[in-house]
C-alpha atoms as a PDB file:
ATOM      1  CA  UNK A   1    -107.807 144.985-105.448  1.00  0.00           C
ATOM      2  CA  UNK A   2    -108.828 146.661-108.700  1.00  0.00           C
ATOM      3  CA  UNK A   3    -107.957 145.221-112.106  1.00  0.00           C
ATOM      4  CA  UNK A   4    -105.633 148.187-112.664  1.00  0.00           C
ATOM      5  CA  UNK A   5    -103.773 147.393-109.427  1.00  0.00           C
ATOM      6  CA  UNK A   6    -103.721 143.690-110.328  1.00  0.00           C
ATOM      7  CA  UNK A   7    -102.093 144.474-113.693  1.00  0.00           C
ATOM      8  CA  UNK A   8     -99.520 146.772-112.053  1.00  0.00           C
ATOM      9  CA  UNK A   9     -98.588 144.153-109.468  1.00  0.00           C
ATOM     10  CA  UNK A  10     -98.235 141.450-112.126  1.00  0.00           C
ATOM     11  CA  UNK A  11     -96.053 143.758-114.222  1.00  0.00           C
ATOM     12  CA  UNK A  12     -93.764 144.593-111.312  1.00  0.00           C
ATOM     13  CA  UNK A  13     -93.659 141.400-109.254  1.00  0.00           C
ATOM     14  CA  UNK A  14     -93.920 138.696-111.904  1.00  0.00           C
ATOM     15  CA  UNK A  15     -92.805 140.196-115.208  1.00  0.00           C
ATOM     16  CA  UNK A  16     -90.006 142.214-113.559  1.00  0.00           C
ATOM     17  CA  UNK A  17     -90.892 145.507-115.223  1.00  0.00           C
ATOM     18  CA  UNK A  18     -90.638 149.036-113.893  1.00  0.00           C
ATOM     19  CA  UNK A  19     -94.301 150.097-113.923  1.00  0.00           C
ATOM     20  CA  UNK A  20     -95.810 153.564-113.765  1.00  0.00           C
ATOM     21  CA  UNK A  21     -99.292 152.675-112.508  1.00  0.00           C
ATOM     22  CA  UNK A  22    -100.757 156.154-112.876  1.00  0.00           C
ATOM     23  CA  UNK A  23     -99.854 156.396-116.558  1.00  0.00           C
ATOM     24  CA  UNK A  24    -100.235 152.633-117.110  1.00  0.00           C
ATOM     25  CA  UNK A  25     -96.897 152.306-118.913  1.00  0.00           C
ATOM     26  CA  UNK A  26     -93.877 150.141-118.199  1.00  0.00           C
ATOM     27  CA  UNK A  27     -90.207 149.728-118.996  1.00  0.00           C
ATOM     28  CA  UNK A  28     -88.733 146.333-119.703  1.00  0.00           C
ATOM     29  CA  UNK A  29     -84.979 146.604-119.326  1.00  0.00           C
ATOM     30  CA  UNK A  30     -84.439 143.186-120.904  1.00  0.00           C
ATOM     31  CA  UNK A  31     -85.884 144.416-124.204  1.00  0.00           C
ATOM     32  CA  UNK A  32     -84.108 146.601-126.724  1.00  0.00           C
ATOM     33  CA  UNK A  33     -87.284 148.607-127.246  1.00  0.00           C
ATOM     34  CA  UNK A  34     -87.098 149.886-123.664  1.00  0.00           C
ATOM     35  CA  UNK A  35     -90.317 151.800-123.039  1.00  0.00           C
ATOM     36  CA  UNK A  36     -93.709 150.512-124.113  1.00  0.00           C
ATOM     37  CA  UNK A  37     -96.677 152.830-124.313  1.00  0.00           C
ATOM     38  CA  UNK A  38     -99.231 150.744-122.450  1.00  0.00           C
ATOM     39  CA  UNK A  39     -99.244 148.227-119.604  1.00  0.00           C
ATOM     40  CA  UNK A  40    -100.953 145.031-120.819  1.00  0.00           C
ATOM     41  CA  UNK A  41    -104.297 144.058-119.324  1.00  0.00           C
ATOM     42  CA  UNK A  42    -103.565 140.517-118.183  1.00  0.00           C
ATOM     43  CA  UNK A  43    -107.238 139.848-117.369  1.00  0.00           C
ATOM     44  CA  UNK A  44    -108.881 140.966-120.631  1.00  0.00           C
ATOM     45  CA  UNK A  45    -106.142 140.543-123.247  1.00  0.00           C
ATOM     46  CA  UNK A  46    -105.633 136.884-124.153  1.00  0.00           C
ATOM     47  CA  UNK A  47    -102.125 137.532-125.538  1.00  0.00           C
ATOM     48  CA  UNK A  48    -101.036 139.271-122.323  1.00  0.00           C
ATOM     49  CA  UNK A  49    -102.505 136.448-120.237  1.00  0.00           C
ATOM     50  CA  UNK A  50    -100.526 133.967-122.313  1.00  0.00           C
ATOM     51  CA  UNK A  51     -97.367 136.044-121.639  1.00  0.00           C
ATOM     52  CA  UNK A  52     -98.105 135.709-117.925  1.00  0.00           C
ATOM     53  CA  UNK A  53     -98.608 131.942-118.232  1.00  0.00           C
ATOM     54  CA  UNK A  54     -95.303 131.606-120.121  1.00  0.00           C
ATOM     55  CA  UNK A  55     -93.445 133.675-117.527  1.00  0.00           C
ATOM     56  CA  UNK A  56     -94.866 131.564-114.698  1.00  0.00           C
ATOM     57  CA  UNK A  57     -93.823 128.389-116.531  1.00  0.00           C
ATOM     58  CA  UNK A  58     -90.295 129.779-116.930  1.00  0.00           C
ATOM     59  CA  UNK A  59     -90.261 130.362-113.146  1.00  0.00           C
ATOM     60  CA  UNK A  60     -90.995 126.669-112.617  1.00  0.00           C
ATOM     61  CA  UNK A  61     -94.743 126.778-111.926  1.00  0.00           C
ATOM     62  CA  UNK A  62     -97.169 124.279-113.475  1.00  0.00           C
ATOM     63  CA  UNK A  63    -100.682 125.548-114.220  1.00  0.00           C
ATOM     64  CA  UNK A  64    -103.951 123.653-114.321  1.00  0.00           C
ATOM     65  CA  UNK A  65    -107.299 125.276-115.024  1.00  0.00           C
ATOM     66  CA  UNK A  66    -110.565 123.572-114.214  1.00  0.00           C
ATOM     67  CA  UNK A  67    -113.921 124.761-115.492  1.00  0.00           C
ATOM     68  CA  UNK A  68    -116.397 124.123-112.701  1.00  0.00           C
ATOM     69  CA  UNK A  69    -119.974 123.137-113.563  1.00  0.00           C
ATOM     70  CA  UNK A  70    -122.999 125.306-112.921  1.00  0.00           C
ATOM     71  CA  UNK A  71    -124.449 124.836-109.463  1.00  0.00           C
ATOM     72  CA  UNK A  72    -128.158 125.587-109.788  1.00  0.00           C
ATOM     73  CA  UNK A  73    -128.842 124.407-106.257  1.00  0.00           C
ATOM     74  CA  UNK A  74    -126.660 127.137-104.754  1.00  0.00           C
ATOM     75  CA  UNK A  75    -127.347 129.669-107.530  1.00  0.00           C
ATOM     76  CA  UNK A  76    -123.686 129.711-108.667  1.00  0.00           C
ATOM     77  CA  UNK A  77    -122.771 130.261-112.300  1.00  0.00           C
ATOM     78  CA  UNK A  78    -119.813 128.922-114.214  1.00  0.00           C
ATOM     79  CA  UNK A  79    -116.483 129.397-112.436  1.00  0.00           C
ATOM     80  CA  UNK A  80    -112.859 128.537-113.115  1.00  0.00           C
ATOM     81  CA  UNK A  81    -110.257 127.250-110.695  1.00  0.00           C
ATOM     82  CA  UNK A  82    -106.636 128.066-111.519  1.00  0.00           C
ATOM     83  CA  UNK A  83    -103.948 126.140-109.674  1.00  0.00           C
ATOM     84  CA  UNK A  84    -100.231 126.872-109.826  1.00  0.00           C
ATOM     85  CA  UNK A  85     -97.940 124.189-108.409  1.00  0.00           C
ATOM     86  CA  UNK A  86     -94.232 124.263-107.716  1.00  0.00           C
ATOM     87  CA  UNK A  87     -92.478 121.572-105.721  1.00  0.00           C
ATOM     88  CA  UNK A  88     -94.795 120.839-102.803  1.00  0.00           C
ATOM     89  CA  UNK A  89     -96.571 124.221-102.817  1.00  0.00           C
ATOM     90  CA  UNK A  90    -100.040 124.752-104.292  1.00  0.00           C
ATOM     91  CA  UNK A  91    -101.646 128.123-105.026  1.00  0.00           C
ATOM     92  CA  UNK A  92    -105.303 127.900-105.996  1.00  0.00           C
ATOM     93  CA  UNK A  93    -108.176 130.311-106.586  1.00  0.00           C
ATOM     94  CA  UNK A  94    -111.671 130.143-108.072  1.00  0.00           C
ATOM     95  CA  UNK A  95    -113.029 133.089-110.036  1.00  0.00           C
ATOM     96  CA  UNK A  96    -115.876 133.776-112.463  1.00  0.00           C
ATOM     97  CA  UNK A  97    -113.365 134.384-115.287  1.00  0.00           C
ATOM     98  CA  UNK A  98    -110.572 132.013-116.300  1.00  0.00           C
ATOM     99  CA  UNK A  99    -108.012 134.742-117.033  1.00  0.00           C
ATOM    100  CA  UNK A 100    -108.777 136.439-113.707  1.00  0.00           C
ATOM    101  CA  UNK A 101    -108.251 133.120-111.911  1.00  0.00           C
ATOM    102  CA  UNK A 102    -104.842 132.744-113.597  1.00  0.00           C
ATOM    103  CA  UNK A 103    -103.845 136.297-112.575  1.00  0.00           C
ATOM    104  CA  UNK A 104    -104.897 135.927-108.937  1.00  0.00           C
ATOM    105  CA  UNK A 105    -103.274 132.503-108.534  1.00  0.00           C
ATOM    106  CA  UNK A 106    -100.053 133.763-110.157  1.00  0.00           C
ATOM    107  CA  UNK A 107     -99.816 136.748-107.808  1.00  0.00           C
ATOM    108  CA  UNK A 108    -100.515 134.535-104.833  1.00  0.00           C
ATOM    109  CA  UNK A 109     -97.793 132.104-105.929  1.00  0.00           C
ATOM    110  CA  UNK A 110     -95.073 134.647-106.643  1.00  0.00           C
ATOM    111  CA  UNK A 111     -95.874 137.474-104.254  1.00  0.00           C
ATOM    112  CA  UNK A 112     -97.801 135.681-101.513  1.00  0.00           C
ATOM    113  CA  UNK A 113    -100.748 138.032-101.849  1.00  0.00           C
ATOM    114  CA  UNK A 114    -103.342 135.624-100.537  1.00  0.00           C
ATOM    115  CA  UNK A 115    -106.012 137.473-102.538  1.00  0.00           C
ATOM    116  CA  UNK A 116    -108.192 134.393-102.732  1.00  0.00           C
ATOM    117  CA  UNK A 117    -108.229 133.711 -98.980  1.00  0.00           C
END
């Protein structure tokens, strides 16, 4: 899944927006402004990633992020594990970037994507 597709899926499935993926714009019907010119990049933009974290929290998910140490023995660099928990369900993924880990775990939790499997 490309980052563009990831952002579109987050916009539609988690944020509840009507997303035009080709033009990378969205409409948020809960906002008075209506149409926004650009779909946020939840992976790169820290503010957009924080919006995603807040939305997930409002849906009842608890997030933990763990920075994993370097593993020189197996030639693995720094990674991050994001875990969303809700009731007795756990959605976890490990990625090279912390924001990417949050995005993938969130999609897995809400939409059952299973990207990290």
